Amino acid sequence: MTRRYAILAPERFETDAKTAHGVIRYGDDEVVAIVDPALAGKRVRDVLPYLESDAPIVESLVQALEFSPTSLLIGTAPKGGGLPPEWRSEVLAAIDAKLEIVSGLHDILGDDREFRVRSRAAGTAIWDVREPPDVPLFSGAVYGVAPPVVLTVGNDCAVGKMTVSLELVRAAHECGRNARFVPTGQTGIIIAGWGISVDRVIVDFAPGAAEQLVLYAAHQGADLIVVEGQGALNHPAYGAVTLALMTGCAPDALILVCDPARTAIESYQTPTLPYNELIEIHERVLATIKPAKVIGIALRTLGMSDAQARDEIERATRDTGLPADDVVRFGPQRLYAELAPRISKTVPLRGDASG
């Protein structure tokens, strides 16, 4: 279906609304208004120019309704995934206005009795993006897919793994490939219209969920599959999600996505790791299952000048010997051109069954 989104992000749109930002930049559905009283009267472009959107920012849902939205999108995905209590009245107002509610929160809004009853009375729907389907255990069927699989991994959460995946798929399309983006988190699912939020799947089944996503993309005729990464392998809270993707999607190659300005995992004191150490630990883990190499580095240089960004890109290449770039600042074409020849199928390790 085609949607016209009003996005709910009070007091958070500029700083803590990754879901909103991703949908505005990469989604096919129109964003008609943002609800954030702190920025009311401005347009998205005034606050975040790189999003290239003229959608108005308004004080309340009532004002957003003047732009004829069909859906209300919860624009943030805070740690823990709860709906801020002060947002509840705006969600109820949207339901009463017969808007679909689209939420990527861990809180399943459709399980909330008041939301469920009001939405049924209004004849509208709640799309809980993070609610997973039933998935099987990992089977190994993914080892048989024909197209190569590339997975983005990173030095922390929220460093641009989804963005890099989408940008590289775009560059591949420009080169005539039938590349497919595989969404594994709430924002990617909203953008693509399909996928599984792997961090919501029971841990034993999370690799199986990743496998099913790759099998689906291969069945759709993709000749290159780019899987959106999550978390970081040394993240004290979310490392299990990263590992599930690494084992479940059986990548043939990895792209390392880093914010070079971060010295510690966000909200924790765990140090981020230097490029070569990140490369080593990811390759070492996969070397025990299905070997895959890191083939390039994508950097998030937001806040740097162009000169500083180029210096950091050159440093990453000098330190690792791998191609590097910022695909948002400088476009994905150059990095993709350097990565494409490095992408090839690998095979899983096989034990000696006779022993």
Protein backbone atom coordinates (compact mmCIF):
# COMPACT_ATOMS: atom_id res chain seq x y z
CA MET A 1 0.00 0.00 0.00
CA THR A 2 1.02 3.62 -0.50
CA ARG A 3 1.30 5.62 2.69
CA ARG A 4 1.40 9.31 3.59
CA TYR A 5 3.27 9.51 6.87
CA ALA A 6 2.96 11.91 9.75
CA ILE A 7 5.95 11.14 11.97
CA LEU A 8 5.73 11.39 15.75
CA ALA A 9 9.04 12.49 17.33
CA PRO A 10 8.40 15.15 20.01
CA GLU A 11 11.62 16.69 21.36
CA ARG A 12 13.65 14.03 19.52
CA PHE A 13 13.46 14.61 15.79
CA GLU A 14 16.80 16.35 15.43
CA THR A 15 18.85 14.11 17.70
CA ASP A 16 17.21 10.75 18.35
CA ALA A 17 14.92 9.76 15.51
CA LYS A 18 16.88 7.30 13.40
CA THR A 19 13.70 5.62 12.17
CA ALA A 20 12.28 8.95 11.01
CA HIS A 21 15.51 9.94 9.30
CA GLY A 22 15.84 6.64 7.45
CA VAL A 23 12.26 6.66 6.18
CA ILE A 24 12.54 10.27 5.01
CA ARG A 25 15.80 9.67 3.16
CA TYR A 26 15.21 6.22 1.67
CA GLY A 27 11.51 5.36 1.86
CA ASP A 28 9.21 5.41 -1.16
CA ASP A 29 6.24 6.63 0.89
CA GLU A 30 5.67 10.36 1.26
CA VAL A 31 6.34 12.05 4.60
CA VAL A 32 3.87 14.92 4.91
CA ALA A 33 4.60 16.25 8.43
CA ILE A 34 6.74 15.80 11.53
CA VAL A 35 5.28 16.28 15.02
CA ASP A 36 7.90 17.93 17.22
CA PRO A 37 6.81 21.03 19.16
CA ALA A 38 10.44 22.01 19.84
CA LEU A 39 10.99 22.59 16.11
CA ALA A 40 7.48 23.65 15.07
CA GLY A 41 7.40 26.15 12.23
CA LYS A 42 10.52 24.80 10.55
CA ARG A 43 10.89 22.31 7.74
CA VAL A 44 12.97 19.16 7.80
CA ARG A 45 15.53 20.75 5.49
CA ASP A 46 16.03 23.62 7.96
CA VAL A 47 17.01 21.18 10.71
CA LEU A 48 18.68 18.31 8.82
CA PRO A 49 19.64 19.53 5.33
CA TYR A 50 21.05 16.17 4.22
CA LEU A 51 17.56 14.62 4.38
CA GLU A 52 16.55 16.90 1.47
CA SER A 53 12.92 17.11 2.59
CA ASP A 54 10.59 20.10 2.75
CA ALA A 55 8.10 18.36 5.03
CA PRO A 56 6.79 20.79 7.67
CA ILE A 57 7.42 20.30 11.37
CA VAL A 58 4.30 20.97 13.44
CA GLU A 59 3.38 21.20 17.09
CA SER A 60 0.75 18.48 17.35
CA LEU A 61 -1.01 15.67 15.57
CA VAL A 62 -4.03 17.92 15.10
CA GLN A 63 -1.88 20.22 12.97
CA ALA A 64 -0.36 17.25 11.12
CA LEU A 65 -3.85 16.13 10.08
CA GLU A 66 -4.10 19.26 7.93
CA PHE A 67 -1.64 17.56 5.54
CA SER A 68 -3.87 14.49 5.04
CA PRO A 69 -1.65 11.69 6.34
CA THR A 70 -2.83 8.09 6.12
CA SER A 71 -0.42 6.71 8.74
CA LEU A 72 1.30 7.79 11.93
CA LEU A 73 4.89 6.55 12.18
CA ILE A 74 6.55 6.34 15.60
CA GLY A 75 9.77 8.09 14.61
CA THR A 76 12.19 6.76 17.22
CA ALA A 77 13.39 3.41 18.48
CA PRO A 78 14.81 4.18 21.93
CA LYS A 79 16.86 1.73 23.97
CA GLY A 80 14.47 -0.77 25.49
CA GLY A 81 11.91 0.03 22.81
CA GLY A 82 9.17 1.48 25.03
CA LEU A 83 6.57 4.02 23.98
CA PRO A 84 7.14 7.26 25.94
CA PRO A 85 4.04 7.68 28.14
CA GLU A 86 3.61 11.30 27.06
CA TRP A 87 3.15 10.16 23.45
CA ARG A 88 0.17 7.98 24.24
CA SER A 89 -2.44 10.70 23.77
CA GLU A 90 -1.10 11.54 20.31
CA VAL A 91 -1.24 7.88 19.25
CA LEU A 92 -4.85 7.65 20.47
CA ALA A 93 -5.71 10.85 18.59
CA ALA A 94 -4.23 9.35 15.43
CA ILE A 95 -6.27 6.18 15.87
CA ASP A 96 -9.45 8.22 16.37
CA ALA A 97 -8.57 10.09 13.16
CA LYS A 98 -8.50 6.68 11.42
CA LEU A 99 -4.77 6.71 10.76
CA GLU A 100 -2.82 3.47 10.54
CA ILE A 101 -0.22 3.26 13.32
CA VAL A 102 3.26 2.09 12.23
CA SER A 103 5.62 1.31 15.08
CA GLY A 104 9.11 -0.17 15.25
CA LEU A 105 9.15 -0.26 19.05
CA HIS A 106 9.77 -3.36 21.12
CA ASP A 107 6.47 -2.50 22.82
CA ILE A 108 3.90 -4.26 20.65
CA LEU A 109 1.21 -1.60 20.38
CA GLY A 110 -1.32 -4.08 19.04
CA ASP A 111 -1.12 -5.94 22.37
CA ASP A 112 -2.13 -2.80 24.25
CA ARG A 113 -5.82 -3.22 25.05
CA GLU A 114 -6.73 0.45 24.74
CA PHE A 115 -4.95 0.85 21.40
CA ARG A 116 -6.42 -2.40 20.09
CA VAL A 117 -10.00 -1.58 21.08
CA ARG A 118 -9.82 1.99 19.75
CA SER A 119 -8.27 0.90 16.46
CA ARG A 120 -10.98 -1.71 15.91
CA ALA A 121 -13.66 0.88 16.65
CA ALA A 122 -12.04 3.31 14.21
CA GLY A 123 -11.60 0.63 11.54
CA THR A 124 -7.88 1.18 11.26
CA ALA A 125 -4.78 -0.99 11.72
CA ILE A 126 -1.62 -1.18 13.82
CA TRP A 127 1.53 -2.41 12.06
CA ASP A 128 4.00 -3.55 14.71
CA VAL A 129 7.06 -3.78 12.51
CA ARG A 130 9.20 -5.55 15.11
CA GLU A 131 6.73 -8.37 15.72
CA PRO A 132 8.44 -11.37 14.08
CA PRO A 133 6.84 -14.23 12.19
CA ASP A 134 7.42 -17.82 13.23
CA VAL A 135 10.80 -18.89 11.89
CA PRO A 136 12.57 -22.25 11.85
CA LEU A 137 15.95 -23.09 13.32
CA PHE A 138 18.95 -22.51 11.07
CA SER A 139 19.13 -25.37 8.56
CA GLY A 140 22.16 -24.64 6.39
CA ALA A 141 20.02 -24.20 3.28
CA VAL A 142 21.52 -20.72 2.91
CA TYR A 143 24.82 -22.32 1.94
CA GLY A 144 23.24 -23.30 -1.35
CA VAL A 145 22.11 -19.87 -2.55
CA ALA A 146 23.68 -18.84 -5.84
CA PRO A 147 24.12 -15.07 -5.43
CA PRO A 148 26.92 -13.78 -3.20
CA VAL A 149 25.86 -12.43 0.18
CA VAL A 150 27.44 -9.31 1.67
CA LEU A 151 26.86 -8.34 5.32
CA THR A 152 27.57 -4.94 6.85
CA VAL A 153 29.15 -5.04 10.32
CA GLY A 154 30.29 -2.15 12.50
CA ASN A 155 32.16 -0.69 15.43
CA ASP A 156 28.90 0.26 17.24
CA CYS A 157 25.16 0.64 16.84
CA ALA A 158 23.83 3.56 14.78
CA VAL A 159 26.93 4.05 12.65
CA GLY A 160 25.18 3.64 9.28
CA LYS A 161 25.03 -0.08 8.47
CA MET A 162 21.55 0.22 6.99
CA THR A 163 22.48 3.38 5.09
CA VAL A 164 25.63 1.82 3.64
CA SER A 165 23.67 -1.28 2.60
CA LEU A 166 21.04 0.79 0.82
CA GLU A 167 23.59 3.05 -0.87
CA LEU A 168 25.65 0.13 -2.17
CA VAL A 169 22.52 -1.57 -3.49
CA ARG A 170 21.69 1.66 -5.31
CA ALA A 171 25.18 1.78 -6.84
CA ALA A 172 24.88 -1.87 -7.89
CA HIS A 173 21.55 -1.12 -9.59
CA GLU A 174 23.22 1.72 -11.50
CA CYS A 175 25.74 -0.86 -12.77
CA GLY A 176 22.96 -3.14 -14.01
CA ARG A 177 22.93 -5.67 -11.17
CA ASN A 178 19.75 -7.02 -9.61
CA ALA A 179 20.99 -6.35 -6.08
CA ARG A 180 18.63 -6.87 -3.18
CA PHE A 181 18.66 -5.11 0.19
CA VAL A 182 17.78 -7.43 3.08
CA PRO A 183 16.24 -5.54 6.04
CA THR A 184 16.91 -6.92 9.50
CA GLY A 185 15.75 -4.00 11.68
CA GLN A 186 12.62 -1.92 12.09
CA THR A 187 13.65 1.05 9.94
CA GLY A 188 14.85 -1.10 7.06
CA ILE A 189 11.60 -3.06 7.16
CA ILE A 190 9.52 0.12 6.96
CA ILE A 191 11.61 1.32 4.02
CA ALA A 192 11.58 -1.97 2.10
CA GLY A 193 8.11 -3.16 3.12
CA TRP A 194 9.32 -6.61 4.20
CA GLY A 195 11.88 -8.27 6.46
CA ILE A 196 12.33 -9.53 10.00
CA SER A 197 13.55 -7.53 12.98
CA VAL A 198 16.12 -10.07 14.12
CA ASP A 199 16.58 -8.49 17.55
CA ARG A 200 13.00 -9.49 18.39
CA VAL A 201 13.45 -13.18 17.53
CA ILE A 202 14.16 -15.76 20.26
CA VAL A 203 17.92 -16.13 20.26
CA ASP A 204 17.99 -19.81 19.22
CA PHE A 205 15.94 -18.92 16.15
CA ALA A 206 17.67 -15.67 15.19
CA PRO A 207 20.17 -17.32 12.81
CA GLY A 208 17.24 -19.13 11.22
CA ALA A 209 15.47 -15.80 10.71
CA ALA A 210 18.55 -14.39 8.98
CA GLU A 211 18.75 -17.49 6.81
CA GLN A 212 15.09 -17.17 5.77
CA LEU A 213 15.63 -13.56 4.72
CA VAL A 214 18.54 -14.50 2.45
CA LEU A 215 16.62 -17.42 0.97
CA TYR A 216 13.71 -15.10 0.21
CA ALA A 217 15.97 -12.53 -1.49
CA ALA A 218 17.59 -15.27 -3.57
CA HIS A 219 14.14 -16.59 -4.55
CA GLN A 220 13.27 -13.11 -5.82
CA GLY A 221 16.01 -13.39 -8.44
CA ALA A 222 18.72 -11.29 -6.81
CA ASP A 223 22.23 -11.63 -8.22
CA LEU A 224 23.73 -9.81 -5.22
CA ILE A 225 22.33 -9.81 -1.67
CA VAL A 226 23.31 -7.08 0.79
CA VAL A 227 22.21 -7.78 4.37
CA GLU A 228 21.69 -4.91 6.80
CA GLY A 229 23.87 -5.45 9.86
CA GLN A 230 22.91 -4.81 13.48
CA GLY A 231 24.84 -3.91 16.61
CA ALA A 232 28.55 -4.68 17.00
CA LEU A 233 30.30 -7.93 17.76
CA ASN A 234 31.85 -6.53 20.97
CA HIS A 235 28.70 -4.66 22.04
CA PRO A 236 27.91 -5.76 25.61
CA ALA A 237 24.13 -5.64 25.02
CA TYR A 238 23.61 -6.32 21.31
CA GLY A 239 26.57 -8.49 20.28
CA ALA A 240 24.32 -11.56 20.16
CA VAL A 241 22.29 -10.01 17.33
CA THR A 242 25.45 -9.33 15.34
CA LEU A 243 26.64 -12.91 15.80
CA ALA A 244 23.25 -14.32 14.78
CA LEU A 245 23.42 -12.39 11.51
CA MET A 246 27.01 -13.44 10.88
CA THR A 247 26.15 -17.12 11.25
CA GLY A 248 22.61 -17.08 9.85
CA CYS A 249 23.03 -15.16 6.61
CA ALA A 250 26.29 -17.00 5.81
CA PRO A 251 28.01 -14.00 4.21
CA ASP A 252 30.59 -14.35 1.49
CA ALA A 253 32.04 -10.92 2.27
CA LEU A 254 31.82 -8.27 5.00
CA ILE A 255 31.85 -4.50 4.81
CA LEU A 256 33.05 -2.76 7.95
CA VAL A 257 31.03 0.34 8.84
CA CYS A 258 32.57 2.67 11.42
CA ASP A 259 32.14 6.02 13.08
CA PRO A 260 35.82 6.91 13.60
CA ALA A 261 34.94 9.57 16.17
CA ARG A 262 33.60 7.05 18.68
CA THR A 263 35.99 5.82 21.32
CA ALA A 264 33.46 3.81 23.34
CA ILE A 265 30.31 1.85 22.60
CA GLU A 266 27.39 4.25 22.94
CA SER A 267 25.95 4.23 26.50
CA TYR A 268 28.70 1.91 27.71
CA GLN A 269 32.36 2.22 28.61
CA THR A 270 33.36 -0.65 26.34
CA PRO A 271 36.07 0.66 23.99
CA THR A 272 35.44 0.66 20.27
CA LEU A 273 38.12 -1.26 18.41
CA PRO A 274 40.59 -0.08 15.76
CA TYR A 275 40.01 -1.08 12.15
CA ASN A 276 42.48 -3.95 12.01
CA GLU A 277 41.27 -5.49 15.25
CA LEU A 278 37.66 -5.32 14.06
CA ILE A 279 38.67 -7.00 10.82
CA GLU A 280 40.54 -9.72 12.71
CA ILE A 281 37.76 -10.64 15.14
CA HIS A 282 35.05 -10.78 12.48
CA GLU A 283 37.14 -12.85 10.11
CA ARG A 284 38.31 -15.13 12.91
CA VAL A 285 34.77 -15.94 14.03
CA LEU A 286 33.62 -16.74 10.50
CA ALA A 287 36.80 -18.71 9.77
CA THR A 288 35.45 -21.40 12.13
CA ILE A 289 32.14 -21.74 10.21
CA LYS A 290 32.12 -20.26 6.69
CA PRO A 291 35.10 -18.02 5.92
CA ALA A 292 34.44 -14.48 4.73
CA LYS A 293 36.79 -11.51 4.46
CA VAL A 294 36.22 -7.85 5.18
CA ILE A 295 36.52 -6.34 1.70
CA GLY A 296 36.11 -2.64 2.42
CA ILE A 297 35.38 0.07 4.96
CA ALA A 298 32.51 2.56 4.95
CA LEU A 299 32.95 5.52 7.28
CA ARG A 300 30.46 7.85 8.92
CA THR A 301 32.29 11.19 8.85
CA LEU A 302 29.33 13.34 9.93
CA GLY A 303 30.67 16.41 11.76
CA MET A 304 33.99 16.44 9.92
CA SER A 305 34.97 18.85 7.18
CA ASP A 306 35.48 17.38 3.71
CA ALA A 307 39.24 17.61 4.21
CA GLN A 308 39.07 15.84 7.57
CA ALA A 309 36.81 13.17 6.09
CA ARG A 310 39.23 12.52 3.22
CA ASP A 311 42.12 12.29 5.66
CA GLU A 312 40.26 9.68 7.73
CA ILE A 313 39.32 7.72 4.60
CA GLU A 314 42.97 7.72 3.51
CA ARG A 315 44.05 6.61 6.97
CA ALA A 316 41.61 3.70 6.95
CA THR A 317 42.95 2.54 3.58
CA ARG A 318 46.57 3.04 4.64
CA ASP A 319 46.10 1.12 7.89
CA THR A 320 44.18 -1.80 6.40
CA GLY A 321 45.01 -1.96 2.71
CA LEU A 322 41.27 -1.95 1.96
CA PRO A 323 39.17 0.50 -0.07
CA ALA A 324 37.34 3.03 2.10
CA ASP A 325 34.92 5.92 1.64
CA ASP A 326 31.93 7.74 3.09
CA VAL A 327 29.07 6.72 0.79
CA VAL A 328 26.73 9.43 2.08
CA ARG A 329 29.14 12.35 1.81
CA PHE A 330 30.88 11.32 -1.41
CA GLY A 331 28.40 8.89 -2.97
CA PRO A 332 28.60 5.07 -3.18
CA GLN A 333 29.82 4.68 -6.75
CA ARG A 334 33.58 4.74 -6.16
CA LEU A 335 33.48 2.38 -3.20
CA TYR A 336 31.14 -0.03 -4.97
CA ALA A 337 33.40 -0.09 -8.03
CA GLU A 338 36.32 -1.12 -5.81
CA LEU A 339 34.30 -3.66 -3.83
CA ALA A 340 32.54 -5.41 -6.72
CA PRO A 341 35.60 -7.38 -7.96
CA ARG A 342 36.25 -8.57 -4.40
CA ILE A 343 32.82 -10.19 -3.95
CA SER A 344 32.80 -13.92 -4.63
CA LYS A 345 31.22 -17.02 -3.15
CA THR A 346 32.88 -18.90 -0.30
CA VAL A 347 32.10 -22.36 1.06
CA PRO A 348 31.36 -23.52 4.62
CA LEU A 349 33.73 -25.72 6.54
CA ARG A 350 32.81 -29.40 6.57
CA GLY A 351 33.91 -31.84 9.23
CA ASP A 352 34.96 -35.42 8.56
CA ALA A 353 31.73 -37.30 9.24
CA SER A 354 33.55 -40.65 9.12
CA GLY A 355 35.52 -39.74 12.24
